[in-house]
PDB file of all heavy atoms in Angstrom:
ATOM      1  N   ALA A   1       2.293  -1.275   7.952  1.00  0.00           N
ATOM      2  CA  ALA A   1       1.244  -0.371   7.488  1.00  0.00           C
ATOM      3  C   ALA A   1       0.320  -1.051   6.489  1.00  0.00           C
ATOM      4  O   ALA A   1      -0.691  -0.416   5.989  1.00  0.00           O
ATOM      5  CB  ALA A   1       1.912   0.790   6.831  1.00  0.00           C
ATOM      6  N   SER A   2       0.483  -2.319   6.282  1.00  0.00           N
ATOM      7  CA  SER A   2      -0.324  -3.004   5.223  1.00  0.00           C
ATOM      8  C   SER A   2      -1.806  -3.078   5.573  1.00  0.00           C
ATOM      9  O   SER A   2      -2.694  -2.836   4.744  1.00  0.00           O
ATOM     10  CB  SER A   2       0.195  -4.480   5.020  1.00  0.00           C
ATOM     11  OG  SER A   2       1.537  -4.431   4.518  1.00  0.00           O
ATOM     12  N   GLU A   3      -2.114  -3.409   6.816  1.00  0.00           N
ATOM     13  CA  GLU A   3      -3.535  -3.476   7.235  1.00  0.00           C
ATOM     14  C   GLU A   3      -4.241  -2.126   7.163  1.00  0.00           C
ATOM     15  O   GLU A   3      -5.359  -1.998   6.679  1.00  0.00           O
ATOM     16  CB  GLU A   3      -3.637  -3.991   8.645  1.00  0.00           C
ATOM     17  CG  GLU A   3      -5.086  -4.276   9.129  1.00  0.00           C
ATOM     18  CD  GLU A   3      -5.130  -4.885  10.479  1.00  0.00           C
ATOM     19  OE1 GLU A   3      -4.049  -5.512  10.910  1.00  0.00           O
ATOM     20  OE2 GLU A   3      -6.220  -4.871  11.134  1.00  0.00           O
ATOM     21  N   PHE A   4      -3.516  -1.055   7.575  1.00  0.00           N
ATOM     22  CA  PHE A   4      -4.028   0.290   7.368  1.00  0.00           C
ATOM     23  C   PHE A   4      -4.381   0.605   5.967  1.00  0.00           C
ATOM     24  O   PHE A   4      -5.473   1.165   5.610  1.00  0.00           O
ATOM     25  CB  PHE A   4      -2.988   1.271   8.013  1.00  0.00           C
ATOM     26  CG  PHE A   4      -3.429   2.687   7.895  1.00  0.00           C
ATOM     27  CD1 PHE A   4      -4.187   3.317   8.904  1.00  0.00           C
ATOM     28  CD2 PHE A   4      -2.878   3.494   6.904  1.00  0.00           C
ATOM     29  CE1 PHE A   4      -4.516   4.673   8.840  1.00  0.00           C
ATOM     30  CE2 PHE A   4      -3.176   4.843   6.795  1.00  0.00           C
ATOM     31  CZ  PHE A   4      -4.076   5.449   7.775  1.00  0.00           C
ATOM     32  N   SER A   5      -3.435   0.286   5.094  1.00  0.00           N
ATOM     33  CA  SER A   5      -3.657   0.594   3.641  1.00  0.00           C
ATOM     34  C   SER A   5      -4.862  -0.220   3.110  1.00  0.00           C
ATOM     35  O   SER A   5      -5.579   0.296   2.336  1.00  0.00           O
ATOM     36  CB  SER A   5      -2.357   0.267   2.888  1.00  0.00           C
ATOM     37  OG  SER A   5      -2.503   0.520   1.518  1.00  0.00           O
ATOM     38  N   GLU A   6      -4.911  -1.529   3.515  1.00  0.00           N
ATOM     39  CA  GLU A   6      -6.036  -2.300   2.964  1.00  0.00           C
ATOM     40  C   GLU A   6      -7.380  -1.778   3.434  1.00  0.00           C
ATOM     41  O   GLU A   6      -8.378  -1.855   2.756  1.00  0.00           O
ATOM     42  CB  GLU A   6      -5.829  -3.782   3.529  1.00  0.00           C
ATOM     43  CG  GLU A   6      -4.673  -4.477   2.842  1.00  0.00           C
ATOM     44  CD  GLU A   6      -4.308  -5.747   3.540  1.00  0.00           C
ATOM     45  OE1 GLU A   6      -5.020  -6.120   4.473  1.00  0.00           O
ATOM     46  OE2 GLU A   6      -3.318  -6.412   3.148  1.00  0.00           O
ATOM     47  N   GLU A   7      -7.414  -1.219   4.681  1.00  0.00           N
ATOM     48  CA  GLU A   7      -8.687  -0.654   5.212  1.00  0.00           C
ATOM     49  C   GLU A   7      -9.072   0.521   4.335  1.00  0.00           C
ATOM     50  O   GLU A   7     -10.279   0.715   4.073  1.00  0.00           O
ATOM     51  CB  GLU A   7      -8.475  -0.287   6.652  1.00  0.00           C
ATOM     52  CG  GLU A   7      -9.694   0.325   7.331  1.00  0.00           C
ATOM     53  CD  GLU A   7     -10.886  -0.637   7.499  1.00  0.00           C
ATOM     54  OE1 GLU A   7     -10.651  -1.881   7.092  1.00  0.00           O
ATOM     55  OE2 GLU A   7     -11.962  -0.232   7.926  1.00  0.00           O
ATOM     56  N   ILE A   8      -8.147   1.377   3.970  1.00  0.00           N
ATOM     57  CA  ILE A   8      -8.429   2.596   3.175  1.00  0.00           C
ATOM     58  C   ILE A   8      -8.998   2.175   1.820  1.00  0.00           C
ATOM     59  O   ILE A   8      -9.966   2.657   1.306  1.00  0.00           O
ATOM     60  CB  ILE A   8      -7.241   3.491   3.063  1.00  0.00           C
ATOM     61  CG1 ILE A   8      -6.909   4.114   4.435  1.00  0.00           C
ATOM     62  CG2 ILE A   8      -7.476   4.591   1.981  1.00  0.00           C
ATOM     63  CD1 ILE A   8      -5.607   4.813   4.425  1.00  0.00           C
ATOM     64  N   ALA A   9      -8.356   1.121   1.224  1.00  0.00           N
ATOM     65  CA  ALA A   9      -8.825   0.560  -0.051  1.00  0.00           C
ATOM     66  C   ALA A   9     -10.191   0.031   0.038  1.00  0.00           C
ATOM     67  O   ALA A   9     -11.014   0.272  -0.816  1.00  0.00           O
ATOM     68  CB  ALA A   9      -7.821  -0.440  -0.574  1.00  0.00           C
ATOM     69  N   ARG A  10     -10.462  -0.637   1.121  1.00  0.00           N
ATOM     70  CA  ARG A  10     -11.850  -1.207   1.299  1.00  0.00           C
ATOM     71  C   ARG A  10     -12.799  -0.123   1.456  1.00  0.00           C
ATOM     72  O   ARG A  10     -13.969  -0.177   0.817  1.00  0.00           O
ATOM     73  CB  ARG A  10     -11.834  -2.128   2.579  1.00  0.00           C
ATOM     74  CG  ARG A  10     -13.167  -2.860   2.761  1.00  0.00           C
ATOM     75  CD  ARG A  10     -13.242  -3.447   4.118  1.00  0.00           C
ATOM     76  NE  ARG A  10     -13.211  -2.474   5.227  1.00  0.00           N
ATOM     77  CZ  ARG A  10     -14.336  -1.697   5.554  1.00  0.00           C
ATOM     78  NH1 ARG A  10     -15.520  -1.882   4.944  1.00  0.00           N
ATOM     79  NH2 ARG A  10     -14.224  -0.901   6.591  1.00  0.00           N
ATOM     80  N   MET A  11     -12.566   0.913   2.245  1.00  0.00           N
ATOM     81  CA  MET A  11     -13.507   1.963   2.432  1.00  0.00           C
ATOM     82  C   MET A  11     -13.768   2.825   1.253  1.00  0.00           C
ATOM     83  O   MET A  11     -14.816   3.376   1.063  1.00  0.00           O
ATOM     84  CB  MET A  11     -12.992   2.827   3.639  1.00  0.00           C
ATOM     85  CG  MET A  11     -12.932   2.177   4.936  1.00  0.00           C
ATOM     86  SD  MET A  11     -12.174   3.169   6.275  1.00  0.00           S
ATOM     87  CE  MET A  11     -13.430   4.486   6.398  1.00  0.00           C
ATOM     88  N   THR A  12     -12.731   3.004   0.427  1.00  0.00           N
ATOM     89  CA  THR A  12     -12.902   3.885  -0.761  1.00  0.00           C
ATOM     90  C   THR A  12     -13.303   3.113  -2.016  1.00  0.00           C
ATOM     91  O   THR A  12     -13.799   3.725  -2.983  1.00  0.00           O
ATOM     92  CB  THR A  12     -11.639   4.629  -1.070  1.00  0.00           C
ATOM     93  OG1 THR A  12     -10.559   3.680  -1.292  1.00  0.00           O
ATOM     94  CG2 THR A  12     -11.196   5.519   0.141  1.00  0.00           C
ATOM     95  N   GLY A  13     -13.026   1.855  -2.062  1.00  0.00           N
ATOM     96  CA  GLY A  13     -13.230   1.084  -3.295  1.00  0.00           C
ATOM     97  C   GLY A  13     -12.223   1.350  -4.386  1.00  0.00           C
ATOM     98  O   GLY A  13     -12.379   1.018  -5.516  1.00  0.00           O
ATOM     99  N   LEU A  14     -11.085   1.959  -3.960  1.00  0.00           N
ATOM    100  CA  LEU A  14      -9.987   2.330  -4.864  1.00  0.00           C
ATOM    101  C   LEU A  14      -8.824   1.354  -4.828  1.00  0.00           C
ATOM    102  O   LEU A  14      -8.524   0.885  -3.724  1.00  0.00           O
ATOM    103  CB  LEU A  14      -9.507   3.715  -4.643  1.00  0.00           C
ATOM    104  CG  LEU A  14     -10.439   4.931  -4.873  1.00  0.00           C
ATOM    105  CD1 LEU A  14      -9.830   6.182  -4.377  1.00  0.00           C
ATOM    106  CD2 LEU A  14     -10.758   5.040  -6.371  1.00  0.00           C
ATOM    107  N   PRO A  15      -8.142   1.122  -5.868  1.00  0.00           N
ATOM    108  CA  PRO A  15      -6.999   0.211  -5.835  1.00  0.00           C
ATOM    109  C   PRO A  15      -5.780   0.903  -5.283  1.00  0.00           C
ATOM    110  O   PRO A  15      -5.592   2.077  -5.463  1.00  0.00           O
ATOM    111  CB  PRO A  15      -6.831  -0.207  -7.271  1.00  0.00           C
ATOM    112  CG  PRO A  15      -7.259   1.059  -7.999  1.00  0.00           C
ATOM    113  CD  PRO A  15      -8.387   1.547  -7.261  1.00  0.00           C
ATOM    114  N   VAL A  16      -4.946   0.083  -4.577  1.00  0.00           N
ATOM    115  CA  VAL A  16      -3.605   0.598  -4.182  1.00  0.00           C
ATOM    116  C   VAL A  16      -2.754   0.399  -5.348  1.00  0.00           C
ATOM    117  O   VAL A  16      -2.330  -0.726  -5.715  1.00  0.00           O
ATOM    118  CB  VAL A  16      -3.073  -0.160  -2.950  1.00  0.00           C
ATOM    119  CG1 VAL A  16      -1.716   0.406  -2.572  1.00  0.00           C
ATOM    120  CG2 VAL A  16      -4.055   0.001  -1.773  1.00  0.00           C
ATOM    121  N   VAL A  17      -2.420   1.477  -6.072  1.00  0.00           N
ATOM    122  CA  VAL A  17      -1.640   1.408  -7.336  1.00  0.00           C
ATOM    123  C   VAL A  17      -0.208   0.893  -7.077  1.00  0.00           C
ATOM    124  O   VAL A  17       0.271   0.057  -7.834  1.00  0.00           O
ATOM    125  CB  VAL A  17      -1.702   2.726  -8.055  1.00  0.00           C
ATOM    126  CG1 VAL A  17      -0.866   2.653  -9.370  1.00  0.00           C
ATOM    127  CG2 VAL A  17      -3.099   3.218  -8.397  1.00  0.00           C
ATOM    128  N   PHE A  18       0.366   1.422  -6.052  1.00  0.00           N
ATOM    129  CA  PHE A  18       1.622   0.895  -5.586  1.00  0.00           C
ATOM    130  C   PHE A  18       1.992   1.293  -4.151  1.00  0.00           C
ATOM    131  O   PHE A  18       1.311   2.251  -3.608  1.00  0.00           O
ATOM    132  CB  PHE A  18       2.841   1.322  -6.530  1.00  0.00           C
ATOM    133  CG  PHE A  18       2.962   2.823  -6.733  1.00  0.00           C
ATOM    134  CD1 PHE A  18       3.671   3.606  -5.825  1.00  0.00           C
ATOM    135  CD2 PHE A  18       2.410   3.487  -7.810  1.00  0.00           C
ATOM    136  CE1 PHE A  18       3.829   4.933  -5.988  1.00  0.00           C
ATOM    137  CE2 PHE A  18       2.526   4.872  -8.027  1.00  0.00           C
ATOM    138  CZ  PHE A  18       3.243   5.594  -7.073  1.00  0.00           C
ATOM    139  N   ARG A  19       2.984   0.701  -3.622  1.00  0.00           N
ATOM    140  CA  ARG A  19       3.495   1.084  -2.255  1.00  0.00           C
ATOM    141  C   ARG A  19       4.877   1.674  -2.445  1.00  0.00           C
ATOM    142  O   ARG A  19       5.683   1.066  -3.177  1.00  0.00           O
ATOM    143  CB  ARG A  19       3.524  -0.184  -1.369  1.00  0.00           C
ATOM    144  CG  ARG A  19       4.089   0.079   0.035  1.00  0.00           C
ATOM    145  CD  ARG A  19       4.069  -1.175   0.864  1.00  0.00           C
ATOM    146  NE  ARG A  19       4.981  -2.153   0.369  1.00  0.00           N
ATOM    147  CZ  ARG A  19       5.261  -3.359   0.939  1.00  0.00           C
ATOM    148  NH1 ARG A  19       4.586  -3.665   2.143  1.00  0.00           N
ATOM    149  NH2 ARG A  19       6.131  -4.186   0.558  1.00  0.00           N
ATOM    150  N   CYS A  20       5.167   2.681  -1.754  1.00  0.00           N
ATOM    151  CA  CYS A  20       6.532   3.322  -1.812  1.00  0.00           C
ATOM    152  C   CYS A  20       7.367   2.619  -0.724  1.00  0.00           C
ATOM    153  O   CYS A  20       6.917   2.387   0.362  1.00  0.00           O
ATOM    154  CB  CYS A  20       6.423   4.806  -1.497  1.00  0.00           C
ATOM    155  SG  CYS A  20       5.562   5.800  -2.775  1.00  0.00           S
ATOM    156  N   ILE A  21       8.576   2.384  -1.093  1.00  0.00           N
ATOM    157  CA  ILE A  21       9.635   1.895  -0.176  1.00  0.00           C
ATOM    158  C   ILE A  21      10.904   2.599  -0.369  1.00  0.00           C
ATOM    159  O   ILE A  21      11.153   3.092  -1.480  1.00  0.00           O
ATOM    160  CB  ILE A  21       9.810   0.358  -0.314  1.00  0.00           C
ATOM    161  CG1 ILE A  21      10.389   0.009  -1.669  1.00  0.00           C
ATOM    162  CG2 ILE A  21       8.491  -0.473  -0.076  1.00  0.00           C
ATOM    163  CD1 ILE A  21      10.974  -1.393  -1.810  1.00  0.00           C
ATOM    164  N   PRO A  22      11.728   2.685   0.651  1.00  0.00           N
ATOM    165  CA  PRO A  22      13.036   3.290   0.392  1.00  0.00           C
ATOM    166  C   PRO A  22      13.798   2.537  -0.540  1.00  0.00           C
ATOM    167  O   PRO A  22      13.718   1.272  -0.652  1.00  0.00           O
ATOM    168  CB  PRO A  22      13.661   3.287   1.835  1.00  0.00           C
ATOM    169  CG  PRO A  22      12.502   3.169   2.764  1.00  0.00           C
ATOM    170  CD  PRO A  22      11.460   2.367   2.103  1.00  0.00           C
ATOM    171  N   GLU A  23      14.666   3.205  -1.353  1.00  0.00           N
ATOM    172  CA  GLU A  23      15.458   2.467  -2.370  1.00  0.00           C
ATOM    173  C   GLU A  23      16.400   1.469  -1.689  1.00  0.00           C
ATOM    174  O   GLU A  23      16.932   0.629  -2.487  1.00  0.00           O
ATOM    175  CB  GLU A  23      16.196   3.524  -3.173  1.00  0.00           C
ATOM    176  CG  GLU A  23      17.186   4.316  -2.450  1.00  0.00           C
ATOM    177  CD  GLU A  23      18.032   5.196  -3.326  1.00  0.00           C
ATOM    178  OE1 GLU A  23      18.082   4.947  -4.590  1.00  0.00           O
ATOM    179  OE2 GLU A  23      18.620   6.202  -2.860  1.00  0.00           O
ATOM    180  N   THR A  24      16.651   1.604  -0.440  1.00  0.00           N
ATOM    181  CA  THR A  24      17.584   0.733   0.199  1.00  0.00           C
ATOM    182  C   THR A  24      16.978  -0.608   0.524  1.00  0.00           C
ATOM    183  O   THR A  24      17.731  -1.577   0.897  1.00  0.00           O
ATOM    184  CB  THR A  24      18.056   1.315   1.568  1.00  0.00           C
ATOM    185  OG1 THR A  24      16.877   1.669   2.291  1.00  0.00           O
ATOM    186  CG2 THR A  24      18.923   2.571   1.277  1.00  0.00           C
ATOM    187  N   LEU A  25      15.639  -0.789   0.426  1.00  0.00           N
ATOM    188  CA  LEU A  25      14.946  -2.015   0.711  1.00  0.00           C
ATOM    189  C   LEU A  25      14.765  -2.836  -0.574  1.00  0.00           C
ATOM    190  O   LEU A  25      14.712  -2.269  -1.698  1.00  0.00           O
ATOM    191  CB  LEU A  25      13.651  -1.751   1.435  1.00  0.00           C
ATOM    192  CG  LEU A  25      13.704  -1.078   2.788  1.00  0.00           C
ATOM    193  CD1 LEU A  25      12.303  -0.904   3.339  1.00  0.00           C
ATOM    194  CD2 LEU A  25      14.612  -1.805   3.738  1.00  0.00           C
ATOM    195  N   THR A  26      14.578  -4.129  -0.430  1.00  0.00           N
ATOM    196  CA  THR A  26      14.303  -4.990  -1.620  1.00  0.00           C
ATOM    197  C   THR A  26      12.849  -4.892  -1.967  1.00  0.00           C
ATOM    198  O   THR A  26      11.977  -5.227  -1.112  1.00  0.00           O
ATOM    199  CB  THR A  26      14.690  -6.477  -1.269  1.00  0.00           C
ATOM    200  OG1 THR A  26      16.088  -6.501  -0.903  1.00  0.00           O
ATOM    201  CG2 THR A  26      14.467  -7.296  -2.478  1.00  0.00           C
ATOM    202  N   PRO A  27      12.463  -4.521  -3.180  1.00  0.00           N
ATOM    203  CA  PRO A  27      11.105  -4.388  -3.529  1.00  0.00           C
ATOM    204  C   PRO A  27      10.404  -5.655  -3.765  1.00  0.00           C
ATOM    205  O   PRO A  27      10.974  -6.655  -4.246  1.00  0.00           O
ATOM    206  CB  PRO A  27      11.139  -3.547  -4.874  1.00  0.00           C
ATOM    207  CG  PRO A  27      12.472  -3.873  -5.445  1.00  0.00           C
ATOM    208  CD  PRO A  27      13.418  -4.129  -4.241  1.00  0.00           C
ATOM    209  N   SER A  28       9.075  -5.765  -3.338  1.00  0.00           N
ATOM    210  CA  SER A  28       8.282  -6.800  -3.667  1.00  0.00           C
ATOM    211  C   SER A  28       7.349  -6.337  -4.839  1.00  0.00           C
ATOM    212  O   SER A  28       7.484  -5.225  -5.307  1.00  0.00           O
ATOM    213  CB  SER A  28       7.348  -7.117  -2.494  1.00  0.00           C
ATOM    214  OG  SER A  28       8.068  -7.479  -1.360  1.00  0.00           O
TER     215      SER A  28
END
């Protein structure tokens, strides 16, 4: 979903404050 998210950020000019992940995954 990273490319999709980057496109929305580009179109809106807004920052992606954070990405949600399940607690079972290792966070970046």
